[in-house]
Amino acid sequence: MGIIHPCHELANTNLKEVVRKIKIPPTATQLLDLGGSHGLYSIEFCKKYPNLKAEIIDYEPVRQYAQAHIEKHAMDGRVTFTAADFMKEDLPLSNDIVLLFQIIHQNVPEQNIALFKKIHAVLRQGGQLIILEQIKGIGGASQLSKSNTSFIALNLFHQASGNAYTFEEVRAWAIEAGFRKHTLKKLNAPGFGLIVCEK
């Protein structure tokens, strides 16, 4: 039986594009993937950057998906899984990169600010917080793109107790948390983007 996880399809559609658009310094050695579930992004980054190791933090029930992918891609020893609630528990120190993919829509602004501050504290100087989300207002000029972004925002609000936020909102949280650089990179999928915040 193949590996099945509700986030697999999303990851498979943009995995290569995300890793291509994110430039990790060659000196980086530690990546922290918060809510990384299946582990595909961590694995792909470690494939591209030989000096990099990754730790996925997510709930225990998704460990099986991550472990299956880690074994499939022969990443034992370089990609590990820790079962924890990263919103409540302390994060490991001394990270170069922190991935926060499809997480902030689940939170209200106050929760995201607190999480950004928590992440800032465990990043090395020059480290990056990388956010992948549906970003409100970047759907593109076409009506289809605008409709798609609005639909995603509405769907997230009702289905996942969250909302799609604008780049300006996310940047304001990052500034409050102490990040000094904030860059938006649009993805091919309408309404999706990467936000890179540097400490």
N, C-alpha and C. Protein backbone atom coordinates (compact mmCIF):
# COMPACT_ATOMS: atom_id res chain seq x y z
N MET A 1 0.85 -1.20 0.00
CA MET A 1 0.00 0.00 0.00
C MET A 1 0.88 1.24 0.00
N GLY A 2 0.53 2.24 -0.81
CA GLY A 2 1.30 3.47 -0.87
C GLY A 2 1.10 4.32 0.37
N ILE A 3 1.97 5.30 0.53
CA ILE A 3 1.89 6.21 1.67
C ILE A 3 0.79 7.22 1.41
N ILE A 4 -0.15 7.32 2.33
CA ILE A 4 -1.28 8.22 2.14
C ILE A 4 -1.31 9.25 3.26
N HIS A 5 -1.40 10.50 2.88
CA HIS A 5 -1.49 11.58 3.86
C HIS A 5 -2.19 12.74 3.17
N PRO A 6 -3.11 13.42 3.84
CA PRO A 6 -3.89 14.48 3.19
C PRO A 6 -3.05 15.62 2.63
N CYS A 7 -1.83 15.82 3.14
CA CYS A 7 -0.99 16.91 2.65
C CYS A 7 -0.05 16.48 1.52
N HIS A 8 -0.05 15.19 1.19
CA HIS A 8 0.88 14.70 0.18
C HIS A 8 0.70 15.38 -1.16
N GLU A 9 -0.55 15.49 -1.60
CA GLU A 9 -0.81 16.04 -2.93
C GLU A 9 -0.32 17.47 -3.04
N LEU A 10 -0.56 18.28 -2.01
CA LEU A 10 -0.09 19.66 -2.01
C LEU A 10 1.42 19.71 -2.10
N ALA A 11 2.09 18.90 -1.28
CA ALA A 11 3.55 18.89 -1.28
C ALA A 11 4.10 18.42 -2.62
N ASN A 12 3.48 17.41 -3.20
CA ASN A 12 3.97 16.88 -4.46
C ASN A 12 3.84 17.86 -5.61
N THR A 13 2.87 18.78 -5.52
CA THR A 13 2.68 19.73 -6.61
C THR A 13 3.68 20.88 -6.56
N ASN A 14 4.20 21.22 -5.38
CA ASN A 14 5.09 22.39 -5.33
C ASN A 14 6.46 22.10 -4.71
N LEU A 15 6.74 20.85 -4.41
CA LEU A 15 7.97 20.48 -3.70
C LEU A 15 9.22 21.00 -4.40
N LYS A 16 9.38 20.68 -5.67
CA LYS A 16 10.57 21.08 -6.42
C LYS A 16 10.66 22.60 -6.53
N GLU A 17 9.52 23.24 -6.77
CA GLU A 17 9.50 24.69 -6.92
C GLU A 17 9.90 25.38 -5.62
N VAL A 18 9.39 24.91 -4.50
CA VAL A 18 9.71 25.50 -3.20
C VAL A 18 11.20 25.40 -2.92
N VAL A 19 11.77 24.22 -3.09
CA VAL A 19 13.19 24.02 -2.80
C VAL A 19 14.06 24.83 -3.76
N ARG A 20 13.62 24.98 -5.00
CA ARG A 20 14.37 25.77 -5.97
C ARG A 20 14.37 27.26 -5.62
N LYS A 21 13.26 27.76 -5.11
CA LYS A 21 13.13 29.20 -4.85
C LYS A 21 13.73 29.63 -3.52
N ILE A 22 14.02 28.68 -2.64
CA ILE A 22 14.61 29.00 -1.34
C ILE A 22 16.12 28.76 -1.40
N LYS A 23 16.88 29.80 -1.14
CA LYS A 23 18.34 29.70 -1.13
C LYS A 23 18.84 29.60 0.31
N ILE A 24 19.29 28.42 0.67
CA ILE A 24 19.82 28.20 2.01
C ILE A 24 21.33 28.39 1.98
N PRO A 25 21.90 29.13 2.93
CA PRO A 25 23.36 29.31 2.95
C PRO A 25 24.08 27.97 3.03
N PRO A 26 25.18 27.79 2.32
CA PRO A 26 25.91 26.51 2.33
C PRO A 26 26.47 26.15 3.70
N THR A 27 26.58 27.16 4.58
CA THR A 27 27.09 26.91 5.93
C THR A 27 26.01 26.39 6.88
N ALA A 28 24.75 26.41 6.44
CA ALA A 28 23.64 25.97 7.30
C ALA A 28 23.75 24.47 7.58
N THR A 29 23.52 24.10 8.83
CA THR A 29 23.62 22.68 9.21
C THR A 29 22.35 22.13 9.85
N GLN A 30 21.47 23.00 10.35
CA GLN A 30 20.30 22.50 11.09
C GLN A 30 19.01 23.16 10.63
N LEU A 31 18.06 22.32 10.22
CA LEU A 31 16.74 22.77 9.79
C LEU A 31 15.70 22.22 10.76
N LEU A 32 14.75 23.07 11.14
CA LEU A 32 13.66 22.67 12.02
C LEU A 32 12.36 22.81 11.25
N ASP A 33 11.61 21.73 11.14
CA ASP A 33 10.38 21.70 10.34
C ASP A 33 9.20 21.56 11.29
N LEU A 34 8.52 22.67 11.57
CA LEU A 34 7.41 22.68 12.52
C LEU A 34 6.11 22.29 11.83
N GLY A 35 5.49 21.22 12.32
CA GLY A 35 4.28 20.72 11.69
C GLY A 35 4.57 20.08 10.35
N GLY A 36 5.77 19.51 10.20
CA GLY A 36 6.23 18.99 8.92
C GLY A 36 5.61 17.68 8.49
N SER A 37 4.86 17.04 9.33
CA SER A 37 4.10 15.80 9.08
C SER A 37 4.85 14.80 8.20
N HIS A 38 4.55 14.75 6.90
CA HIS A 38 5.12 13.74 6.00
C HIS A 38 6.62 13.86 5.80
N GLY A 39 7.20 15.04 6.08
CA GLY A 39 8.65 15.20 6.00
C GLY A 39 9.23 15.41 4.62
N LEU A 40 8.39 15.53 3.60
CA LEU A 40 8.90 15.62 2.23
C LEU A 40 9.75 16.86 1.99
N TYR A 41 9.36 17.99 2.56
CA TYR A 41 10.15 19.21 2.36
C TYR A 41 11.52 19.09 3.03
N SER A 42 11.54 18.59 4.26
CA SER A 42 12.81 18.41 4.97
C SER A 42 13.73 17.48 4.19
N ILE A 43 13.18 16.40 3.70
CA ILE A 43 13.97 15.43 2.94
C ILE A 43 14.55 16.06 1.69
N GLU A 44 13.74 16.82 0.98
CA GLU A 44 14.18 17.42 -0.28
C GLU A 44 15.28 18.46 -0.04
N PHE A 45 15.13 19.26 1.04
CA PHE A 45 16.18 20.24 1.37
C PHE A 45 17.48 19.53 1.73
N CYS A 46 17.38 18.44 2.48
CA CYS A 46 18.59 17.70 2.86
C CYS A 46 19.25 17.05 1.66
N LYS A 47 18.47 16.64 0.69
CA LYS A 47 19.04 16.10 -0.55
C LYS A 47 19.86 17.17 -1.28
N LYS A 48 19.35 18.38 -1.30
CA LYS A 48 20.01 19.47 -2.03
C LYS A 48 21.22 20.00 -1.30
N TYR A 49 21.17 19.99 0.04
CA TYR A 49 22.26 20.56 0.85
C TYR A 49 22.87 19.46 1.72
N PRO A 50 23.99 18.90 1.31
CA PRO A 50 24.60 17.74 1.97
C PRO A 50 24.99 17.97 3.43
N ASN A 51 25.24 19.22 3.82
CA ASN A 51 25.64 19.50 5.20
C ASN A 51 24.45 19.65 6.15
N LEU A 52 23.26 19.61 5.60
CA LEU A 52 22.05 19.93 6.36
C LEU A 52 21.45 18.69 7.03
N LYS A 53 21.01 18.87 8.28
CA LYS A 53 20.20 17.87 8.98
C LYS A 53 18.88 18.54 9.34
N ALA A 54 17.83 17.73 9.47
CA ALA A 54 16.51 18.28 9.75
C ALA A 54 15.82 17.53 10.88
N GLU A 55 15.07 18.29 11.67
CA GLU A 55 14.22 17.71 12.70
C GLU A 55 12.79 18.14 12.46
N ILE A 56 11.89 17.18 12.33
CA ILE A 56 10.47 17.45 12.15
C ILE A 56 9.80 17.38 13.52
N ILE A 57 9.00 18.39 13.84
CA ILE A 57 8.22 18.35 15.08
C ILE A 57 6.74 18.39 14.73
N ASP A 58 6.03 17.37 15.13
CA ASP A 58 4.60 17.28 14.84
C ASP A 58 3.97 16.30 15.84
N TYR A 59 2.68 16.08 15.71
CA TYR A 59 2.00 15.18 16.64
C TYR A 59 2.33 13.72 16.34
N GLU A 60 2.25 12.90 17.36
CA GLU A 60 2.61 11.48 17.27
C GLU A 60 1.88 10.73 16.14
N PRO A 61 0.59 10.96 15.91
CA PRO A 61 -0.10 10.18 14.88
C PRO A 61 0.50 10.29 13.47
N VAL A 62 1.23 11.36 13.17
CA VAL A 62 1.78 11.50 11.81
C VAL A 62 3.21 10.98 11.70
N ARG A 63 3.75 10.49 12.81
CA ARG A 63 5.12 9.96 12.77
C ARG A 63 5.27 8.89 11.69
N GLN A 64 4.25 8.04 11.54
CA GLN A 64 4.34 6.94 10.59
C GLN A 64 4.57 7.42 9.16
N TYR A 65 3.95 8.55 8.80
CA TYR A 65 4.12 9.08 7.45
C TYR A 65 5.54 9.60 7.25
N ALA A 66 6.02 10.35 8.24
CA ALA A 66 7.38 10.88 8.15
C ALA A 66 8.40 9.76 8.11
N GLN A 67 8.25 8.79 8.99
CA GLN A 67 9.22 7.70 9.07
C GLN A 67 9.25 6.89 7.79
N ALA A 68 8.07 6.68 7.18
CA ALA A 68 8.02 5.94 5.92
C ALA A 68 8.79 6.65 4.83
N HIS A 69 8.66 7.97 4.76
CA HIS A 69 9.38 8.75 3.74
C HIS A 69 10.88 8.81 4.04
N ILE A 70 11.22 8.95 5.32
CA ILE A 70 12.63 8.98 5.71
C ILE A 70 13.33 7.69 5.27
N GLU A 71 12.67 6.58 5.52
CA GLU A 71 13.25 5.29 5.13
C GLU A 71 13.28 5.13 3.61
N LYS A 72 12.23 5.55 2.95
CA LYS A 72 12.15 5.42 1.50
C LYS A 72 13.28 6.18 0.81
N HIS A 73 13.62 7.37 1.35
CA HIS A 73 14.65 8.22 0.73
C HIS A 73 16.02 8.04 1.39
N ALA A 74 16.16 7.01 2.23
CA ALA A 74 17.43 6.70 2.90
C ALA A 74 17.99 7.92 3.64
N MET A 75 17.13 8.57 4.42
CA MET A 75 17.53 9.77 5.15
C MET A 75 17.65 9.53 6.66
N ASP A 76 17.70 8.27 7.07
CA ASP A 76 17.92 7.97 8.49
C ASP A 76 19.22 8.61 8.95
N GLY A 77 19.18 9.28 10.08
CA GLY A 77 20.38 9.93 10.60
C GLY A 77 20.48 11.38 10.21
N ARG A 78 19.81 11.76 9.13
CA ARG A 78 19.83 13.17 8.70
C ARG A 78 18.48 13.85 8.92
N VAL A 79 17.40 13.09 8.87
CA VAL A 79 16.07 13.63 9.13
C VAL A 79 15.44 12.82 10.26
N THR A 80 15.05 13.51 11.32
CA THR A 80 14.46 12.84 12.49
C THR A 80 13.08 13.42 12.79
N PHE A 81 12.31 12.68 13.55
CA PHE A 81 10.96 13.11 13.92
C PHE A 81 10.84 13.15 15.44
N THR A 82 10.30 14.26 15.95
CA THR A 82 10.04 14.41 17.37
C THR A 82 8.55 14.69 17.56
N ALA A 83 7.89 13.91 18.40
CA ALA A 83 6.47 14.11 18.69
C ALA A 83 6.32 15.16 19.78
N ALA A 84 5.68 16.28 19.43
CA ALA A 84 5.50 17.37 20.40
C ALA A 84 4.50 18.38 19.84
N ASP A 85 3.96 19.20 20.73
CA ASP A 85 3.12 20.33 20.35
C ASP A 85 4.01 21.57 20.37
N PHE A 86 4.47 21.98 19.18
CA PHE A 86 5.44 23.09 19.12
C PHE A 86 4.85 24.42 19.54
N MET A 87 3.53 24.52 19.59
CA MET A 87 2.91 25.76 20.05
C MET A 87 3.05 25.90 21.57
N LYS A 88 3.16 24.77 22.27
CA LYS A 88 3.18 24.80 23.74
C LYS A 88 4.55 24.48 24.33
N GLU A 89 5.31 23.62 23.67
CA GLU A 89 6.56 23.16 24.24
C GLU A 89 7.76 23.94 23.71
N ASP A 90 8.87 23.86 24.45
CA ASP A 90 10.09 24.55 24.04
C ASP A 90 10.62 23.96 22.74
N LEU A 91 11.26 24.81 21.94
CA LEU A 91 11.84 24.37 20.68
C LEU A 91 13.34 24.12 20.86
N PRO A 92 13.91 23.20 20.08
CA PRO A 92 15.36 22.99 20.14
C PRO A 92 16.12 24.23 19.69
N LEU A 93 17.28 24.45 20.26
CA LEU A 93 18.07 25.65 20.00
C LEU A 93 18.97 25.50 18.77
N SER A 94 19.54 26.62 18.36
CA SER A 94 20.61 26.67 17.35
C SER A 94 20.20 26.12 15.99
N ASN A 95 19.17 26.72 15.42
CA ASN A 95 18.71 26.34 14.09
C ASN A 95 19.12 27.39 13.06
N ASP A 96 19.40 26.95 11.86
CA ASP A 96 19.71 27.86 10.75
C ASP A 96 18.46 28.18 9.93
N ILE A 97 17.56 27.21 9.84
CA ILE A 97 16.34 27.35 9.05
C ILE A 97 15.18 26.79 9.86
N VAL A 98 14.05 27.50 9.85
CA VAL A 98 12.81 26.96 10.42
C VAL A 98 11.73 27.02 9.35
N LEU A 99 11.13 25.87 9.06
CA LEU A 99 10.02 25.81 8.11
C LEU A 99 8.70 25.88 8.87
N LEU A 100 7.81 26.73 8.38
CA LEU A 100 6.47 26.86 8.95
C LEU A 100 5.50 26.82 7.77
N PHE A 101 5.19 25.60 7.35
CA PHE A 101 4.42 25.40 6.12
C PHE A 101 2.97 25.04 6.44
N GLN A 102 2.05 25.86 5.95
CA GLN A 102 0.62 25.65 6.12
C GLN A 102 0.23 25.56 7.61
N ILE A 103 0.75 26.53 8.37
CA ILE A 103 0.49 26.56 9.82
C ILE A 103 -0.22 27.83 10.25
N ILE A 104 0.21 28.99 9.75
CA ILE A 104 -0.26 30.25 10.34
C ILE A 104 -1.75 30.50 10.11
N HIS A 105 -2.34 29.87 9.09
CA HIS A 105 -3.77 30.07 8.86
C HIS A 105 -4.60 29.47 9.98
N GLN A 106 -4.02 28.57 10.75
CA GLN A 106 -4.75 27.93 11.85
C GLN A 106 -4.82 28.82 13.09
N ASN A 107 -4.01 29.86 13.11
CA ASN A 107 -3.86 30.68 14.31
C ASN A 107 -4.45 32.07 14.13
N VAL A 108 -4.81 32.67 15.25
CA VAL A 108 -5.16 34.10 15.25
C VAL A 108 -3.85 34.89 15.28
N PRO A 109 -3.86 36.18 14.91
CA PRO A 109 -2.63 36.96 14.87
C PRO A 109 -1.79 36.90 16.13
N GLU A 110 -2.42 36.96 17.29
CA GLU A 110 -1.67 36.94 18.55
C GLU A 110 -0.88 35.64 18.70
N GLN A 111 -1.46 34.55 18.29
CA GLN A 111 -0.76 33.26 18.36
C GLN A 111 0.43 33.23 17.40
N ASN A 112 0.25 33.81 16.22
CA ASN A 112 1.34 33.82 15.25
C ASN A 112 2.49 34.72 15.71
N ILE A 113 2.17 35.83 16.31
CA ILE A 113 3.22 36.70 16.85
C ILE A 113 4.03 35.96 17.91
N ALA A 114 3.32 35.30 18.82
CA ALA A 114 4.00 34.54 19.89
C ALA A 114 4.86 33.44 19.29
N LEU A 115 4.37 32.76 18.26
CA LEU A 115 5.13 31.69 17.62
C LEU A 115 6.35 32.24 16.90
N PHE A 116 6.20 33.37 16.23
CA PHE A 116 7.34 34.00 15.53
C PHE A 116 8.43 34.38 16.53
N LYS A 117 8.04 34.91 17.69
CA LYS A 117 9.01 35.28 18.72
C LYS A 117 9.74 34.04 19.24
N LYS A 118 9.00 32.97 19.41
CA LYS A 118 9.56 31.71 19.87
C LYS A 118 10.57 31.16 18.86
N ILE A 119 10.24 31.26 17.59
CA ILE A 119 11.14 30.80 16.53
C ILE A 119 12.37 31.69 16.45
N HIS A 120 12.19 33.00 16.54
CA HIS A 120 13.30 33.95 16.48
C HIS A 120 14.34 33.61 17.55
N ALA A 121 13.86 33.22 18.72
CA ALA A 121 14.76 32.94 19.85
C ALA A 121 15.63 31.71 19.63
N VAL A 122 15.20 30.78 18.78
CA VAL A 122 15.97 29.55 18.58
C VAL A 122 16.70 29.53 17.23
N LEU A 123 16.68 30.64 16.51
CA LEU A 123 17.43 30.75 15.27
C LEU A 123 18.80 31.37 15.53
N ARG A 124 19.81 30.88 14.84
CA ARG A 124 21.11 31.53 14.87
C ARG A 124 21.02 32.87 14.13
N GLN A 125 21.95 33.78 14.41
CA GLN A 125 21.99 35.06 13.71
C GLN A 125 22.13 34.80 12.22
N GLY A 126 21.29 35.45 11.44
CA GLY A 126 21.30 35.23 10.00
C GLY A 126 20.40 34.09 9.56
N GLY A 127 19.80 33.41 10.53
CA GLY A 127 18.91 32.29 10.23
C GLY A 127 17.61 32.76 9.58
N GLN A 128 16.91 31.81 8.97
CA GLN A 128 15.71 32.14 8.22
C GLN A 128 14.48 31.40 8.73
N LEU A 129 13.38 32.13 8.86
CA LEU A 129 12.06 31.54 9.04
C LEU A 129 11.41 31.55 7.67
N ILE A 130 11.00 30.37 7.19
CA ILE A 130 10.39 30.25 5.86
C ILE A 130 8.95 29.79 6.02
N ILE A 131 8.04 30.60 5.53
CA ILE A 131 6.61 30.35 5.66
C ILE A 131 6.04 30.01 4.28
N LEU A 132 5.27 28.95 4.20
CA LEU A 132 4.53 28.63 2.98
C LEU A 132 3.06 28.68 3.34
N GLU A 133 2.32 29.50 2.58
CA GLU A 133 0.90 29.66 2.91
C GLU A 133 0.11 30.14 1.69
N GLN A 134 -1.19 30.10 1.82
CA GLN A 134 -2.07 30.85 0.94
C GLN A 134 -2.02 32.29 1.42
N ILE A 135 -1.52 33.18 0.57
CA ILE A 135 -1.35 34.58 0.96
C ILE A 135 -2.47 35.41 0.34
N LYS A 136 -3.23 36.06 1.16
CA LYS A 136 -4.36 36.86 0.68
C LYS A 136 -3.87 38.04 -0.16
N GLY A 137 -4.46 38.19 -1.33
CA GLY A 137 -4.14 39.35 -2.16
C GLY A 137 -3.07 39.15 -3.19
N ILE A 138 -2.52 37.92 -3.31
CA ILE A 138 -1.49 37.70 -4.33
C ILE A 138 -1.96 36.71 -5.40
N GLY A 139 -3.28 36.60 -5.55
CA GLY A 139 -3.83 35.63 -6.48
C GLY A 139 -3.55 35.92 -7.93
N GLY A 140 -3.14 37.14 -8.27
CA GLY A 140 -2.85 37.47 -9.65
C GLY A 140 -3.94 38.35 -10.24
N ALA A 141 -3.75 38.76 -11.48
CA ALA A 141 -4.66 39.71 -12.11
C ALA A 141 -5.96 39.06 -12.59
N SER A 142 -5.91 37.78 -12.93
CA SER A 142 -7.09 37.14 -13.49
C SER A 142 -8.17 36.95 -12.43
N GLN A 143 -9.42 36.99 -12.89
CA GLN A 143 -10.54 36.80 -11.97
C GLN A 143 -10.50 35.41 -11.35
N LEU A 144 -10.03 34.42 -12.15
CA LEU A 144 -9.94 33.06 -11.64
C LEU A 144 -9.00 33.00 -10.45
N SER A 145 -7.84 33.67 -10.58
CA SER A 145 -6.87 33.66 -9.49
C SER A 145 -7.44 34.34 -8.26
N LYS A 146 -8.10 35.47 -8.46
CA LYS A 146 -8.68 36.18 -7.33
C LYS A 146 -9.74 35.34 -6.65
N SER A 147 -10.56 34.68 -7.46
CA SER A 147 -11.61 33.84 -6.90
C SER A 147 -11.02 32.67 -6.13
N ASN A 148 -9.94 32.11 -6.68
CA ASN A 148 -9.28 30.98 -6.03
C ASN A 148 -8.76 31.36 -4.66
N THR A 149 -8.08 32.53 -4.58
CA THR A 149 -7.53 32.99 -3.31
C THR A 149 -8.65 33.25 -2.30
N SER A 150 -9.74 33.88 -2.75
CA SER A 150 -10.85 34.15 -1.85
C SER A 150 -11.50 32.87 -1.36
N PHE A 151 -11.61 31.89 -2.26
CA PHE A 151 -12.19 30.60 -1.87
C PHE A 151 -11.34 29.91 -0.82
N ILE A 152 -10.02 29.94 -1.03
CA ILE A 152 -9.10 29.33 -0.07
C ILE A 152 -9.26 29.98 1.30
N ALA A 153 -9.31 31.31 1.32
CA ALA A 153 -9.45 32.03 2.59
C ALA A 153 -10.75 31.62 3.29
N LEU A 154 -11.85 31.57 2.54
CA LEU A 154 -13.13 31.21 3.11
C LEU A 154 -13.11 29.77 3.61
N ASN A 155 -12.54 28.88 2.80
CA ASN A 155 -12.47 27.47 3.16
C ASN A 155 -11.66 27.27 4.44
N LEU A 156 -10.50 27.96 4.53
CA LEU A 156 -9.66 27.83 5.72
C LEU A 156 -10.39 28.34 6.96
N PHE A 157 -11.12 29.42 6.79
CA PHE A 157 -11.82 30.01 7.94
C PHE A 157 -12.85 29.03 8.50
N HIS A 158 -13.59 28.38 7.60
CA HIS A 158 -14.68 27.51 8.05
C HIS A 158 -14.19 26.10 8.38
N GLN A 159 -13.26 25.59 7.58
CA GLN A 159 -12.84 24.20 7.74
C GLN A 159 -11.72 24.03 8.76
N ALA A 160 -10.80 24.98 8.81
CA ALA A 160 -9.61 24.81 9.65
C ALA A 160 -9.53 25.84 10.77
N SER A 161 -10.63 26.53 11.03
CA SER A 161 -10.65 27.56 12.08
C SER A 161 -9.53 28.57 11.88
N GLY A 162 -9.36 29.00 10.64
CA GLY A 162 -8.30 29.96 10.35
C GLY A 162 -8.66 30.88 9.22
N ASN A 163 -7.64 31.55 8.68
CA ASN A 163 -7.88 32.52 7.62
C ASN A 163 -6.62 32.69 6.82
N ALA A 164 -6.76 33.21 5.62
CA ALA A 164 -5.59 33.58 4.82
C ALA A 164 -5.22 35.01 5.17
N TYR A 165 -3.92 35.25 5.42
CA TYR A 165 -3.45 36.58 5.80
C TYR A 165 -2.69 37.22 4.65
N THR A 166 -2.59 38.54 4.67
CA THR A 166 -1.82 39.26 3.66
C THR A 166 -0.33 39.24 4.02
N PHE A 167 0.50 39.52 3.01
CA PHE A 167 1.94 39.62 3.26
C PHE A 167 2.23 40.73 4.26
N GLU A 168 1.49 41.83 4.17
CA GLU A 168 1.71 42.95 5.08
C GLU A 168 1.44 42.55 6.53
N GLU A 169 0.41 41.74 6.74
CA GLU A 169 0.11 41.28 8.09
C GLU A 169 1.23 40.39 8.63
N VAL A 170 1.68 39.45 7.80
CA VAL A 170 2.74 38.53 8.23
C VAL A 170 4.03 39.30 8.47
N ARG A 171 4.33 40.26 7.61
CA ARG A 171 5.55 41.07 7.78
C ARG A 171 5.49 41.86 9.09
N ALA A 172 4.33 42.38 9.44
CA ALA A 172 4.19 43.13 10.70
C ALA A 172 4.46 42.22 11.90
N TRP A 173 3.99 40.99 11.85
CA TRP A 173 4.27 40.05 12.94
C TRP A 173 5.76 39.76 13.02
N ALA A 174 6.38 39.59 11.85
CA ALA A 174 7.82 39.28 11.81
C ALA A 174 8.64 40.43 12.38
N ILE A 175 8.27 41.64 12.05
CA ILE A 175 8.96 42.82 12.58
C ILE A 175 8.83 42.87 14.09
N GLU A 176 7.62 42.61 14.59
CA GLU A 176 7.40 42.63 16.04
C GLU A 176 8.22 41.55 16.74
N ALA A 177 8.43 40.44 16.04
CA ALA A 177 9.19 39.33 16.62
C ALA A 177 10.70 39.54 16.54
N GLY A 178 11.14 40.56 15.77
CA GLY A 178 12.56 40.87 15.69
C GLY A 178 13.25 40.52 14.39
N PHE A 179 12.52 40.00 13.40
CA PHE A 179 13.12 39.68 12.11
C PHE A 179 13.39 40.96 11.33
N ARG A 180 14.53 41.01 10.62
CA ARG A 180 14.95 42.27 9.99
C ARG A 180 14.73 42.30 8.48
N LYS A 181 14.58 41.15 7.84
CA LYS A 181 14.33 41.12 6.40
C LYS A 181 13.12 40.24 6.13
N HIS A 182 12.31 40.65 5.14
CA HIS A 182 11.07 39.93 4.88
C HIS A 182 10.82 39.96 3.37
N THR A 183 10.81 38.79 2.74
CA THR A 183 10.70 38.70 1.30
C THR A 183 9.56 37.77 0.92
N LEU A 184 8.77 38.19 -0.06
CA LEU A 184 7.67 37.37 -0.58
C LEU A 184 8.07 36.79 -1.93
N LYS A 185 7.91 35.47 -2.07
CA LYS A 185 8.16 34.79 -3.33
C LYS A 185 6.87 34.07 -3.73
N LYS A 186 6.28 34.48 -4.84
CA LYS A 186 5.05 33.85 -5.31
C LYS A 186 5.35 32.48 -5.90
N LEU A 187 4.41 31.55 -5.70
CA LEU A 187 4.50 30.23 -6.30
C LEU A 187 3.58 30.16 -7.52
N ASN A 188 3.77 29.14 -8.32
CA ASN A 188 2.97 29.00 -9.53
C ASN A 188 1.49 28.79 -9.22
N ALA A 189 1.20 28.10 -8.14
CA ALA A 189 -0.20 27.90 -7.75
C ALA A 189 -0.79 29.24 -7.32
N PRO A 190 -1.88 29.68 -7.94
CA PRO A 190 -2.47 30.98 -7.60
C PRO A 190 -2.79 31.11 -6.12
N GLY A 191 -2.34 32.22 -5.54
CA GLY A 191 -2.64 32.48 -4.13
C GLY A 191 -1.64 31.94 -3.15
N PHE A 192 -0.72 31.09 -3.61
CA PHE A 192 0.28 30.51 -2.73
C PHE A 192 1.58 31.29 -2.80
N GLY A 193 2.25 31.41 -1.66
CA GLY A 193 3.53 32.12 -1.64
C GLY A 193 4.43 31.65 -0.52
N LEU A 194 5.70 32.01 -0.66
CA LEU A 194 6.70 31.78 0.37
C LEU A 194 7.09 33.13 0.97
N ILE A 195 7.16 33.21 2.27
CA ILE A 195 7.64 34.42 2.94
C ILE A 195 8.89 34.03 3.70
N VAL A 196 10.00 34.70 3.38
CA VAL A 196 11.28 34.42 4.02
C VAL A 196 11.61 35.57 4.95
N CYS A 197 11.77 35.26 6.25
CA CYS A 197 12.11 36.27 7.27
C CYS A 197 13.49 35.94 7.82
N GLU A 198 14.37 36.92 7.81
CA GLU A 198 15.75 36.68 8.25
C GLU A 198 16.02 37.36 9.59
N LYS A 199 16.69 36.63 10.47
CA LYS A 199 17.06 37.17 11.79
C LYS A 199 18.30 38.03 11.66
